[in-house]
Amino acid sequence: MERIYTSGTKTDVTYFTGFEVEKTPAYDMDTLFVVGPQPVDEIIDQAEHFGSQHIYLGANQSFHIDLRFMVNHLLK
């Protein structure tokens, strides 16, 4: 999936931030979006670096069964 930034277009995005727009309990929260399975320690580092209140796993329609490990580890 292509993402357009002021610095140009990227096709290999792993993390990006923004505000949650879906009408869920996380609506309007500063969110770290994670594309595909990523190392849990790296996700935590990114969330802390950006001060994200919410982490959205499986962004850009990348959610699949491999994310269960990440979810379980992050919840701990």
C-alpha atoms as a PDB file:
ATOM      1  CA  MET A   1       0.000   0.000   0.000  1.00  0.00           C
ATOM      2  CA  GLU A   2       1.308   3.432  -0.881  1.00  0.00           C
ATOM      3  CA  ARG A   3       1.420   6.178   1.732  1.00  0.00           C
ATOM      4  CA  ILE A   4       1.981   9.765   0.641  1.00  0.00           C
ATOM      5  CA  TYR A   5       4.091  12.019   2.854  1.00  0.00           C
ATOM      6  CA  THR A   6       5.433  15.529   2.403  1.00  0.00           C
ATOM      7  CA  SER A   7       8.838  13.939   1.775  1.00  0.00           C
ATOM      8  CA  GLY A   8       7.453  11.652  -0.957  1.00  0.00           C
ATOM      9  CA  THR A   9       5.593   8.389  -1.482  1.00  0.00           C
ATOM     10  CA  LYS A  10       6.543   5.271   0.482  1.00  0.00           C
ATOM     11  CA  THR A  11       5.559   1.670  -0.230  1.00  0.00           C
ATOM     12  CA  ASP A  12       7.494  -0.045   2.572  1.00  0.00           C
ATOM     13  CA  VAL A  13       5.878   1.571   5.627  1.00  0.00           C
ATOM     14  CA  THR A  14       6.050  -0.443   8.855  1.00  0.00           C
ATOM     15  CA  TYR A  15       4.896   2.167  11.395  1.00  0.00           C
ATOM     16  CA  PHE A  16       2.977   5.402  11.125  1.00  0.00           C
ATOM     17  CA  THR A  17       1.132   7.632  13.559  1.00  0.00           C
ATOM     18  CA  GLY A  18      -2.126   9.510  13.466  1.00  0.00           C
ATOM     19  CA  PHE A  19      -5.444   9.859  15.224  1.00  0.00           C
ATOM     20  CA  GLU A  20      -7.864   6.939  15.344  1.00  0.00           C
ATOM     21  CA  VAL A  21     -10.915   7.798  13.230  1.00  0.00           C
ATOM     22  CA  GLU A  22     -13.102   4.730  13.800  1.00  0.00           C
ATOM     23  CA  LYS A  23     -15.905   5.186  16.345  1.00  0.00           C
ATOM     24  CA  THR A  24     -14.364   2.856  18.938  1.00  0.00           C
ATOM     25  CA  PRO A  25     -13.223   3.512  22.523  1.00  0.00           C
ATOM     26  CA  ALA A  26      -9.900   4.627  20.971  1.00  0.00           C
ATOM     27  CA  TYR A  27     -11.578   7.290  18.803  1.00  0.00           C
ATOM     28  CA  ASP A  28      -9.416  10.417  18.395  1.00  0.00           C
ATOM     29  CA  MET A  29      -6.489   8.919  20.359  1.00  0.00           C
ATOM     30  CA  ASP A  30      -2.926   9.468  19.200  1.00  0.00           C
ATOM     31  CA  THR A  31      -2.263   6.073  17.628  1.00  0.00           C
ATOM     32  CA  LEU A  32       0.733   4.066  16.476  1.00  0.00           C
ATOM     33  CA  PHE A  33      -0.329   2.019  13.448  1.00  0.00           C
ATOM     34  CA  VAL A  34       1.671  -1.197  12.947  1.00  0.00           C
ATOM     35  CA  VAL A  35       1.763  -2.893   9.533  1.00  0.00           C
ATOM     36  CA  GLY A  36       2.180  -6.676   9.666  1.00  0.00           C
ATOM     37  CA  PRO A  37       3.956  -8.660  12.353  1.00  0.00           C
ATOM     38  CA  GLN A  38       6.804  -6.704  13.948  1.00  0.00           C
ATOM     39  CA  PRO A  39       9.115  -7.345  16.922  1.00  0.00           C
ATOM     40  CA  VAL A  40       7.189  -6.573  20.119  1.00  0.00           C
ATOM     41  CA  ASP A  41      10.102  -4.700  21.712  1.00  0.00           C
ATOM     42  CA  GLU A  42      10.311  -2.505  18.616  1.00  0.00           C
ATOM     43  CA  ILE A  43       6.555  -1.761  18.796  1.00  0.00           C
ATOM     44  CA  ILE A  44       6.892  -0.696  22.433  1.00  0.00           C
ATOM     45  CA  ASP A  45       9.913   1.487  21.609  1.00  0.00           C
ATOM     46  CA  GLN A  46       8.015   3.164  18.750  1.00  0.00           C
ATOM     47  CA  ALA A  47       4.916   3.756  20.910  1.00  0.00           C
ATOM     48  CA  GLU A  48       7.024   5.303  23.664  1.00  0.00           C
ATOM     49  CA  HIS A  49       9.031   7.393  21.189  1.00  0.00           C
ATOM     50  CA  PHE A  50       5.894   8.902  19.638  1.00  0.00           C
ATOM     51  CA  GLY A  51       3.938   9.073  22.917  1.00  0.00           C
ATOM     52  CA  SER A  52       1.131   7.000  21.405  1.00  0.00           C
ATOM     53  CA  GLN A  53      -1.909   6.376  23.585  1.00  0.00           C
ATOM     54  CA  HIS A  54      -3.124   3.511  21.425  1.00  0.00           C
ATOM     55  CA  ILE A  55      -1.544   0.813  19.241  1.00  0.00           C
ATOM     56  CA  TYR A  56      -3.382  -0.412  16.148  1.00  0.00           C
ATOM     57  CA  LEU A  57      -2.055  -3.798  15.003  1.00  0.00           C
ATOM     58  CA  GLY A  58      -2.713  -5.025  11.484  1.00  0.00           C
ATOM     59  CA  ALA A  59      -2.860  -1.601   9.829  1.00  0.00           C
ATOM     60  CA  ASN A  60      -3.266  -1.392   6.052  1.00  0.00           C
ATOM     61  CA  GLN A  61      -5.268  -4.642   6.055  1.00  0.00           C
ATOM     62  CA  SER A  62      -2.245  -6.621   7.307  1.00  0.00           C
ATOM     63  CA  PHE A  63      -4.002  -8.376  10.195  1.00  0.00           C
ATOM     64  CA  HIS A  64      -3.554 -12.129  10.188  1.00  0.00           C
ATOM     65  CA  ILE A  65      -3.058 -15.057  12.568  1.00  0.00           C
ATOM     66  CA  ASP A  66       0.651 -14.294  13.168  1.00  0.00           C
ATOM     67  CA  LEU A  67      -0.346 -11.239  15.177  1.00  0.00           C
ATOM     68  CA  ARG A  68      -1.702 -13.328  18.087  1.00  0.00           C
ATOM     69  CA  PHE A  69       1.777 -13.635  19.611  1.00  0.00           C
ATOM     70  CA  MET A  70       2.267  -9.878  19.406  1.00  0.00           C
ATOM     71  CA  VAL A  71      -1.110  -9.184  21.014  1.00  0.00           C
ATOM     72  CA  ASN A  72      -0.522 -11.599  23.887  1.00  0.00           C
ATOM     73  CA  HIS A  73       2.958 -10.210  24.554  1.00  0.00           C
ATOM     74  CA  LEU A  74       1.853  -6.560  24.390  1.00  0.00           C
ATOM     75  CA  LEU A  75      -1.026  -7.196  26.801  1.00  0.00           C
ATOM     76  CA  LYS A  76       1.441  -8.513  29.377  1.00  0.00           C
END
